[in-house]
């Protein structure tokens, strides 16, 4: 009871007025990281489509889709996504000194974990939606892949 009122006053006067600008500042790197995840997924699926259109090989298509399922765990391909979020380091250092926020590395790590989780969900959903189309006429497979990709990106 004795701490509640001063704590509320402190938050209202010294933290709350800055929350909107802090959130806006932090969302830039976070948004660009998630945009990079989306672009990577789009690029990888486009490569699968192009490869299939060249070869018309269903077995190769299955291999490529299986490789796509490993995309979230491919640190080399996911690295550009993670690097976008590393820009948070500087922003969080400023917050650390101004508001005594600790464990800023945790914020970056959790954001990168969410990015990996998003990619896992995207490739899983892609695989689930595309699975029935694998038996389709090979002329329709590329179109089917594109439709599934657009559905996942939506």
Protein backbone atom coordinates (compact mmCIF):
# COMPACT_ATOMS: atom_id res chain seq x y z
CA UNK A 1 0.00 0.00 0.00
CA UNK A 2 2.83 2.44 0.79
CA UNK A 3 4.70 1.62 -2.41
CA UNK A 4 1.72 1.54 -4.78
CA UNK A 5 1.01 5.26 -4.96
CA UNK A 6 4.64 6.42 -5.46
CA UNK A 7 5.24 3.64 -8.00
CA UNK A 8 2.13 4.59 -9.93
CA UNK A 9 3.14 8.26 -9.89
CA UNK A 10 6.65 7.40 -11.09
CA UNK A 11 5.31 5.28 -13.96
CA UNK A 12 2.77 7.92 -14.94
CA UNK A 13 5.29 10.75 -14.96
CA UNK A 14 8.55 9.14 -16.05
CA UNK A 15 7.68 6.10 -18.16
CA UNK A 16 4.18 6.28 -19.65
CA UNK A 17 4.80 9.46 -21.69
CA UNK A 18 7.66 7.69 -23.50
CA UNK A 19 6.01 4.32 -24.16
CA UNK A 20 4.53 5.17 -27.57
CA UNK A 21 7.83 6.53 -28.89
CA UNK A 22 9.77 3.60 -27.41
CA UNK A 23 7.40 1.10 -29.01
CA UNK A 24 7.62 2.87 -32.35
CA UNK A 25 11.42 2.89 -32.18
CA UNK A 26 11.64 -0.80 -31.28
CA UNK A 27 9.11 -1.89 -33.88
CA UNK A 28 11.29 -0.73 -36.78
CA UNK A 29 13.92 -3.48 -36.44
CA UNK A 30 11.33 -6.04 -35.35
CA UNK A 31 9.12 -5.33 -38.36
CA UNK A 32 12.04 -5.43 -40.77
CA UNK A 33 13.11 -8.78 -39.29
CA UNK A 34 9.67 -10.29 -39.80
CA UNK A 35 9.50 -8.79 -43.30
CA UNK A 36 12.81 -10.50 -44.04
CA UNK A 37 11.33 -13.84 -42.85
CA UNK A 38 8.43 -13.37 -45.25
CA UNK A 39 10.76 -12.47 -48.12
CA UNK A 40 12.96 -15.50 -47.44
CA UNK A 41 9.96 -17.85 -47.48
CA UNK A 42 8.72 -16.26 -50.70
CA UNK A 43 12.17 -16.57 -52.33
CA UNK A 44 12.60 -20.21 -51.32
CA UNK A 45 9.18 -21.24 -52.63
CA UNK A 46 9.77 -19.32 -55.87
CA UNK A 47 13.00 -21.30 -56.32
CA UNK A 48 11.04 -24.54 -55.84
CA UNK A 49 8.55 -23.42 -58.50
CA UNK A 50 11.30 -22.45 -60.96
CA UNK A 51 13.17 -25.70 -60.40
CA UNK A 52 10.01 -27.74 -60.97
CA UNK A 53 9.14 -25.81 -64.12
CA UNK A 54 12.61 -26.57 -65.49
CA UNK A 55 12.76 -30.26 -64.55
CA UNK A 56 9.13 -31.40 -64.17
CA UNK A 57 10.59 -33.97 -61.76
CA UNK A 58 8.18 -34.91 -58.94
CA UNK A 59 10.92 -36.66 -56.93
CA UNK A 60 13.10 -33.53 -57.06
CA UNK A 61 10.07 -31.50 -56.04
CA UNK A 62 9.59 -33.71 -52.98
CA UNK A 63 13.26 -33.25 -52.07
CA UNK A 64 12.94 -29.47 -52.42
CA UNK A 65 9.82 -29.36 -50.23
CA UNK A 66 11.60 -31.52 -47.65
CA UNK A 67 14.51 -29.04 -47.71
CA UNK A 68 12.03 -26.20 -47.28
CA UNK A 69 10.81 -27.89 -44.09
CA UNK A 70 14.35 -27.47 -42.68
CA UNK A 71 14.50 -23.76 -43.54
CA UNK A 72 13.73 -22.53 -39.99
CA UNK A 73 16.73 -24.49 -38.72
CA UNK A 74 19.11 -23.36 -41.47
CA UNK A 75 21.10 -20.71 -39.62
CA UNK A 76 22.87 -19.52 -42.78
CA UNK A 77 19.62 -18.74 -44.60
CA UNK A 78 17.89 -17.34 -41.50
CA UNK A 79 20.89 -15.14 -40.57
CA UNK A 80 19.79 -12.08 -42.63
CA UNK A 81 16.46 -12.16 -40.76
CA UNK A 82 18.20 -12.31 -37.41
CA UNK A 83 20.60 -9.51 -38.33
CA UNK A 84 17.70 -7.11 -38.85
CA UNK A 85 16.72 -7.59 -35.21
CA UNK A 86 20.28 -7.08 -33.98
CA UNK A 87 19.70 -3.37 -34.58
CA UNK A 88 17.63 -3.54 -31.40
CA UNK A 89 20.89 -3.83 -29.45
CA UNK A 90 21.65 -0.11 -29.80
CA UNK A 91 18.08 0.95 -29.10
CA UNK A 92 17.86 -1.27 -26.04
CA UNK A 93 21.15 0.08 -24.67
CA UNK A 94 19.62 3.54 -24.66
CA UNK A 95 16.56 2.22 -22.82
CA UNK A 96 18.78 0.33 -20.42
CA UNK A 97 20.47 3.53 -19.31
CA UNK A 98 17.32 5.67 -19.27
CA UNK A 99 14.91 3.25 -17.61
CA UNK A 100 17.19 0.72 -15.92
CA UNK A 101 15.97 -2.09 -18.18
CA UNK A 102 18.04 -5.23 -17.76
CA UNK A 103 18.38 -8.38 -19.84
CA UNK A 104 18.16 -6.62 -23.19
CA UNK A 105 19.80 -9.63 -24.88
CA UNK A 106 16.75 -11.63 -23.86
CA UNK A 107 14.51 -9.29 -25.88
CA UNK A 108 16.60 -9.87 -29.01
CA UNK A 109 16.81 -13.61 -28.44
CA UNK A 110 13.05 -13.95 -27.92
CA UNK A 111 12.37 -11.90 -31.05
CA UNK A 112 14.67 -14.18 -33.05
CA UNK A 113 12.92 -17.21 -31.54
CA UNK A 114 9.58 -15.80 -32.66
CA UNK A 115 10.99 -15.30 -36.15
CA UNK A 116 12.12 -18.93 -36.29
CA UNK A 117 8.73 -20.04 -34.98
CA UNK A 118 6.98 -17.98 -37.66
CA UNK A 119 9.09 -19.66 -40.34
CA UNK A 120 8.37 -23.08 -38.83
CA UNK A 121 4.65 -22.34 -38.98
CA UNK A 122 4.91 -21.06 -42.55
CA UNK A 123 6.76 -24.10 -43.92
CA UNK A 124 4.55 -26.51 -41.96
CA UNK A 125 1.40 -24.85 -43.27
CA UNK A 126 2.84 -24.85 -46.78
CA UNK A 127 3.62 -28.56 -46.56
CA UNK A 128 0.16 -29.39 -45.18
CA UNK A 129 -1.68 -27.39 -47.84
CA UNK A 130 0.54 -28.59 -50.67
CA UNK A 131 0.54 -32.29 -49.70
CA UNK A 132 -2.70 -33.21 -51.53
CA UNK A 133 -1.50 -31.37 -54.66
CA UNK A 134 1.60 -33.54 -55.04
CA UNK A 135 -0.46 -36.21 -56.79
CA UNK A 136 -1.96 -33.68 -59.21
CA UNK A 137 -1.16 -33.42 -62.90
CA UNK A 138 2.38 -32.08 -63.25
CA UNK A 139 1.11 -29.22 -65.41
CA UNK A 140 -0.95 -27.96 -62.46
CA UNK A 141 1.68 -28.46 -59.76
CA UNK A 142 3.51 -25.14 -60.29
CA UNK A 143 0.21 -23.26 -60.18
CA UNK A 144 -0.77 -25.18 -57.07
CA UNK A 145 2.53 -24.33 -55.36
CA UNK A 146 2.03 -20.63 -56.17
CA UNK A 147 -1.52 -20.68 -54.78
CA UNK A 148 -0.39 -22.40 -51.59
CA UNK A 149 2.49 -19.93 -51.21
CA UNK A 150 0.12 -16.97 -51.53
CA UNK A 151 -2.26 -18.55 -49.04
CA UNK A 152 0.55 -19.02 -46.50
CA UNK A 153 1.84 -15.47 -47.01
CA UNK A 154 -1.65 -14.13 -46.46
